[in-house]
Amino acid sequence: MLARLLIALCLALSAGPALAVQPDEVLADPALEARARTISAELRCLVCQNQSIDDSNAPLARDLRVLVRERLSAGASDSEVLSFVVERYGEFVLLKPRFALHTLLLWLVPPLALIAGGLVLWRKRALPAGAAAELSEAEKERLKKLVADD
């Protein structure tokens, strides 16, 4: 049983991401290809939405990969290629949104929620254990009566 578990674990860890880049898309220049892969990893597939264009088999992702490689081959810098794609498809195409005024809420809500949660937990822990109000005599009598009835 343990051997099967170890084999399954080794297979799971050895399986790398399945890249969808086709051989005909790969650039001859290894440096340009590396830049294209880096850029492709930052761009979201607009069909799959939770995959980069580098990982997606969708036709639109292929078109975007080809577009990135064409722009790089034409001499554009990485930031120029990203700006071109964002200008054409909007910021949603970026897997990691840029830090800007219109994305401020997106970047600030998670840390603020963690801080607020920590403060709530700290406050709850700071309350004394016996902070609950004592029962009045009438409530104690009523409780005794309810317990006795059962």
C-alpha atoms as a PDB file:
ATOM      1  CA  MET A   1       0.000   0.000   0.000  1.00  0.00           C
ATOM      2  CA  LEU A   2       2.785   2.401   0.943  1.00  0.00           C
ATOM      3  CA  ALA A   3       4.722   1.515  -2.208  1.00  0.00           C
ATOM      4  CA  ARG A   4       1.733   2.380  -4.394  1.00  0.00           C
ATOM      5  CA  LEU A   5       1.297   5.661  -2.570  1.00  0.00           C
ATOM      6  CA  LEU A   6       4.971   6.537  -3.061  1.00  0.00           C
ATOM      7  CA  ILE A   7       4.814   5.640  -6.755  1.00  0.00           C
ATOM      8  CA  ALA A   8       1.691   7.785  -7.208  1.00  0.00           C
ATOM      9  CA  LEU A   9       3.351  10.656  -5.358  1.00  0.00           C
ATOM     10  CA  CYS A  10       6.498  10.402  -7.499  1.00  0.00           C
ATOM     11  CA  LEU A  11       4.448  10.357 -10.694  1.00  0.00           C
ATOM     12  CA  ALA A  12       2.410  13.358  -9.583  1.00  0.00           C
ATOM     13  CA  LEU A  13       5.526  15.348  -8.686  1.00  0.00           C
ATOM     14  CA  SER A  14       7.367  14.428 -11.871  1.00  0.00           C
ATOM     15  CA  ALA A  15       4.527  15.495 -14.148  1.00  0.00           C
ATOM     16  CA  GLY A  16       5.296  18.976 -15.388  1.00  0.00           C
ATOM     17  CA  PRO A  17       2.863  21.405 -16.936  1.00  0.00           C
ATOM     18  CA  ALA A  18       1.624  20.396 -20.354  1.00  0.00           C
ATOM     19  CA  LEU A  19       2.627  23.259 -22.591  1.00  0.00           C
ATOM     20  CA  ALA A  20       0.458  23.762 -25.626  1.00  0.00           C
ATOM     21  CA  VAL A  21       3.120  25.454 -27.745  1.00  0.00           C
ATOM     22  CA  GLN A  22       3.270  23.674 -31.078  1.00  0.00           C
ATOM     23  CA  PRO A  23       6.605  22.932 -32.782  1.00  0.00           C
ATOM     24  CA  ASP A  24       5.772  25.254 -35.677  1.00  0.00           C
ATOM     25  CA  GLU A  25       5.365  28.157 -33.233  1.00  0.00           C
ATOM     26  CA  VAL A  26       8.801  27.824 -31.649  1.00  0.00           C
ATOM     27  CA  LEU A  27      11.267  30.522 -32.649  1.00  0.00           C
ATOM     28  CA  ALA A  28      14.707  29.548 -33.932  1.00  0.00           C
ATOM     29  CA  ASP A  29      16.455  32.020 -31.623  1.00  0.00           C
ATOM     30  CA  PRO A  30      16.505  30.475 -28.101  1.00  0.00           C
ATOM     31  CA  ALA A  31      16.713  33.889 -26.426  1.00  0.00           C
ATOM     32  CA  LEU A  32      13.631  35.154 -28.272  1.00  0.00           C
ATOM     33  CA  GLU A  33      11.804  31.905 -27.549  1.00  0.00           C
ATOM     34  CA  ALA A  34      12.604  32.228 -23.835  1.00  0.00           C
ATOM     35  CA  ARG A  35      11.238  35.794 -23.858  1.00  0.00           C
ATOM     36  CA  ALA A  36       8.121  34.598 -25.698  1.00  0.00           C
ATOM     37  CA  ARG A  37       7.566  31.859 -23.097  1.00  0.00           C
ATOM     38  CA  THR A  38       7.955  34.376 -20.263  1.00  0.00           C
ATOM     39  CA  ILE A  39       5.422  36.728 -21.846  1.00  0.00           C
ATOM     40  CA  SER A  40       3.052  33.867 -22.695  1.00  0.00           C
ATOM     41  CA  ALA A  41       3.084  32.749 -19.068  1.00  0.00           C
ATOM     42  CA  GLU A  42       1.814  36.214 -18.054  1.00  0.00           C
ATOM     43  CA  LEU A  43      -1.106  36.284 -20.496  1.00  0.00           C
ATOM     44  CA  ARG A  44      -4.485  34.709 -19.777  1.00  0.00           C
ATOM     45  CA  CYS A  45      -6.238  32.543 -22.322  1.00  0.00           C
ATOM     46  CA  LEU A  46      -9.462  34.403 -23.017  1.00  0.00           C
ATOM     47  CA  VAL A  47     -11.256  31.124 -23.711  1.00  0.00           C
ATOM     48  CA  CYS A  48     -10.008  29.050 -20.763  1.00  0.00           C
ATOM     49  CA  GLN A  49      -9.574  32.069 -18.434  1.00  0.00           C
ATOM     50  CA  ASN A  50      -7.649  30.180 -15.753  1.00  0.00           C
ATOM     51  CA  GLN A  51      -4.743  29.133 -17.950  1.00  0.00           C
ATOM     52  CA  SER A  52      -1.953  31.045 -19.526  1.00  0.00           C
ATOM     53  CA  ILE A  53      -1.809  31.101 -23.318  1.00  0.00           C
ATOM     54  CA  ASP A  54       1.312  28.963 -22.980  1.00  0.00           C
ATOM     55  CA  ASP A  55      -0.747  26.160 -21.382  1.00  0.00           C
ATOM     56  CA  SER A  56      -3.930  26.441 -23.456  1.00  0.00           C
ATOM     57  CA  ASN A  57      -4.818  24.514 -26.610  1.00  0.00           C
ATOM     58  CA  ALA A  58      -7.556  26.985 -27.589  1.00  0.00           C
ATOM     59  CA  PRO A  59      -7.229  28.489 -31.091  1.00  0.00           C
ATOM     60  CA  LEU A  60      -7.300  32.029 -29.663  1.00  0.00           C
ATOM     61  CA  ALA A  61      -4.415  31.157 -27.334  1.00  0.00           C
ATOM     62  CA  ARG A  62      -2.456  29.885 -30.328  1.00  0.00           C
ATOM     63  CA  ASP A  63      -3.172  33.140 -32.169  1.00  0.00           C
ATOM     64  CA  LEU A  64      -1.935  35.126 -29.182  1.00  0.00           C
ATOM     65  CA  ARG A  65       1.234  33.014 -28.915  1.00  0.00           C
ATOM     66  CA  VAL A  66       1.924  33.614 -32.611  1.00  0.00           C
ATOM     67  CA  LEU A  67       1.215  37.334 -32.169  1.00  0.00           C
ATOM     68  CA  VAL A  68       3.670  37.547 -29.252  1.00  0.00           C
ATOM     69  CA  ARG A  69       6.354  35.807 -31.282  1.00  0.00           C
ATOM     70  CA  GLU A  70       5.730  38.024 -34.321  1.00  0.00           C
ATOM     71  CA  ARG A  71       6.035  41.181 -32.217  1.00  0.00           C
ATOM     72  CA  LEU A  72       9.237  39.919 -30.572  1.00  0.00           C
ATOM     73  CA  SER A  73      10.697  38.979 -33.961  1.00  0.00           C
ATOM     74  CA  ALA A  74       9.882  42.490 -35.194  1.00  0.00           C
ATOM     75  CA  GLY A  75      12.097  43.903 -32.432  1.00  0.00           C
ATOM     76  CA  ALA A  76       9.531  44.911 -29.797  1.00  0.00           C
ATOM     77  CA  SER A  77      10.541  44.812 -26.138  1.00  0.00           C
ATOM     78  CA  ASP A  78       8.710  42.619 -23.634  1.00  0.00           C
ATOM     79  CA  SER A  79       6.842  45.593 -22.161  1.00  0.00           C
ATOM     80  CA  GLU A  80       5.858  46.791 -25.647  1.00  0.00           C
ATOM     81  CA  VAL A  81       4.449  43.354 -26.487  1.00  0.00           C
ATOM     82  CA  LEU A  82       2.489  43.220 -23.232  1.00  0.00           C
ATOM     83  CA  SER A  83       1.207  46.771 -23.735  1.00  0.00           C
ATOM     84  CA  PHE A  84       0.126  45.920 -27.287  1.00  0.00           C
ATOM     85  CA  VAL A  85      -1.820  42.853 -26.162  1.00  0.00           C
ATOM     86  CA  VAL A  86      -3.400  44.728 -23.231  1.00  0.00           C
ATOM     87  CA  GLU A  87      -4.364  47.599 -25.526  1.00  0.00           C
ATOM     88  CA  ARG A  88      -5.984  45.145 -27.910  1.00  0.00           C
ATOM     89  CA  TYR A  89      -7.720  42.810 -25.408  1.00  0.00           C
ATOM     90  CA  GLY A  90      -7.935  44.802 -22.167  1.00  0.00           C
ATOM     91  CA  GLU A  91      -6.292  44.238 -18.793  1.00  0.00           C
ATOM     92  CA  PHE A  92      -8.274  41.057 -18.231  1.00  0.00           C
ATOM     93  CA  VAL A  93      -5.749  39.337 -20.489  1.00  0.00           C
ATOM     94  CA  LEU A  94      -3.079  39.718 -17.767  1.00  0.00           C
ATOM     95  CA  LEU A  95      -2.928  36.844 -15.294  1.00  0.00           C
ATOM     96  CA  LYS A  96      -1.411  39.206 -12.715  1.00  0.00           C
ATOM     97  CA  PRO A  97      -3.157  42.591 -12.889  1.00  0.00           C
ATOM     98  CA  ARG A  98      -1.046  45.723 -12.787  1.00  0.00           C
ATOM     99  CA  PHE A  99      -0.994  47.866  -9.654  1.00  0.00           C
ATOM    100  CA  ALA A 100      -2.865  51.014 -10.662  1.00  0.00           C
ATOM    101  CA  LEU A 101      -5.533  53.321  -9.287  1.00  0.00           C
ATOM    102  CA  HIS A 102      -8.375  51.353 -10.877  1.00  0.00           C
ATOM    103  CA  THR A 103      -7.015  48.046  -9.471  1.00  0.00           C
ATOM    104  CA  LEU A 104      -6.254  49.435  -6.018  1.00  0.00           C
ATOM    105  CA  LEU A 105      -9.247  47.714  -4.432  1.00  0.00           C
ATOM    106  CA  LEU A 106      -8.223  44.402  -5.976  1.00  0.00           C
ATOM    107  CA  TRP A 107      -4.763  44.655  -4.402  1.00  0.00           C
ATOM    108  CA  LEU A 108      -5.775  46.079  -1.013  1.00  0.00           C
ATOM    109  CA  VAL A 109      -8.825  44.009  -0.042  1.00  0.00           C
ATOM    110  CA  PRO A 110      -6.996  40.696   0.655  1.00  0.00           C
ATOM    111  CA  PRO A 111      -4.401  42.141   3.089  1.00  0.00           C
ATOM    112  CA  LEU A 112      -7.051  44.325   4.749  1.00  0.00           C
ATOM    113  CA  ALA A 113      -9.321  41.284   5.162  1.00  0.00           C
ATOM    114  CA  LEU A 114      -6.457  39.349   6.768  1.00  0.00           C
ATOM    115  CA  ILE A 115      -5.721  42.221   9.130  1.00  0.00           C
ATOM    116  CA  ALA A 116      -9.419  42.576  10.029  1.00  0.00           C
ATOM    117  CA  GLY A 117      -9.705  38.836  10.653  1.00  0.00           C
ATOM    118  CA  GLY A 118      -6.608  38.911  12.849  1.00  0.00           C
ATOM    119  CA  LEU A 119      -8.019  41.815  14.845  1.00  0.00           C
ATOM    120  CA  VAL A 120     -11.325  39.982  15.339  1.00  0.00           C
ATOM    121  CA  LEU A 121      -9.502  36.857  16.539  1.00  0.00           C
ATOM    122  CA  TRP A 122      -7.230  38.903  18.804  1.00  0.00           C
ATOM    123  CA  ARG A 123     -10.220  40.783  20.239  1.00  0.00           C
ATOM    124  CA  LYS A 124     -12.143  37.566  20.824  1.00  0.00           C
ATOM    125  CA  ARG A 125      -9.146  36.059  22.577  1.00  0.00           C
ATOM    126  CA  ALA A 126      -8.607  39.191  24.657  1.00  0.00           C
ATOM    127  CA  LEU A 127     -12.091  38.946  26.234  1.00  0.00           C
ATOM    128  CA  PRO A 128     -12.041  37.273  29.640  1.00  0.00           C
ATOM    129  CA  ALA A 129     -13.540  33.794  29.768  1.00  0.00           C
ATOM    130  CA  GLY A 130     -16.098  34.752  32.414  1.00  0.00           C
ATOM    131  CA  ALA A 131     -17.254  37.857  30.568  1.00  0.00           C
ATOM    132  CA  ALA A 132     -20.722  36.390  30.050  1.00  0.00           C
ATOM    133  CA  ALA A 133     -23.435  38.001  32.151  1.00  0.00           C
ATOM    134  CA  GLU A 134     -24.551  36.191  35.283  1.00  0.00           C
ATOM    135  CA  LEU A 135     -28.075  34.798  35.363  1.00  0.00           C
ATOM    136  CA  SER A 136     -30.604  36.597  37.484  1.00  0.00           C
ATOM    137  CA  GLU A 137     -32.371  34.732  40.292  1.00  0.00           C
ATOM    138  CA  ALA A 138     -35.542  34.472  38.174  1.00  0.00           C
ATOM    139  CA  GLU A 139     -33.546  33.004  35.265  1.00  0.00           C
ATOM    140  CA  LYS A 140     -31.832  30.498  37.579  1.00  0.00           C
ATOM    141  CA  GLU A 141     -35.208  29.356  38.952  1.00  0.00           C
ATOM    142  CA  ARG A 142     -36.634  29.026  35.429  1.00  0.00           C
ATOM    143  CA  LEU A 143     -33.567  27.012  34.340  1.00  0.00           C
ATOM    144  CA  LYS A 144     -33.926  24.656  37.319  1.00  0.00           C
ATOM    145  CA  LYS A 145     -37.600  24.199  36.461  1.00  0.00           C
ATOM    146  CA  LEU A 146     -36.816  23.407  32.800  1.00  0.00           C
ATOM    147  CA  VAL A 147     -34.110  20.906  33.742  1.00  0.00           C
ATOM    148  CA  ALA A 148     -36.390  19.235  36.300  1.00  0.00           C
ATOM    149  CA  ASP A 149     -39.208  18.891  33.725  1.00  0.00           C
ATOM    150  CA  ASP A 150     -36.990  16.868  31.393  1.00  0.00           C
END
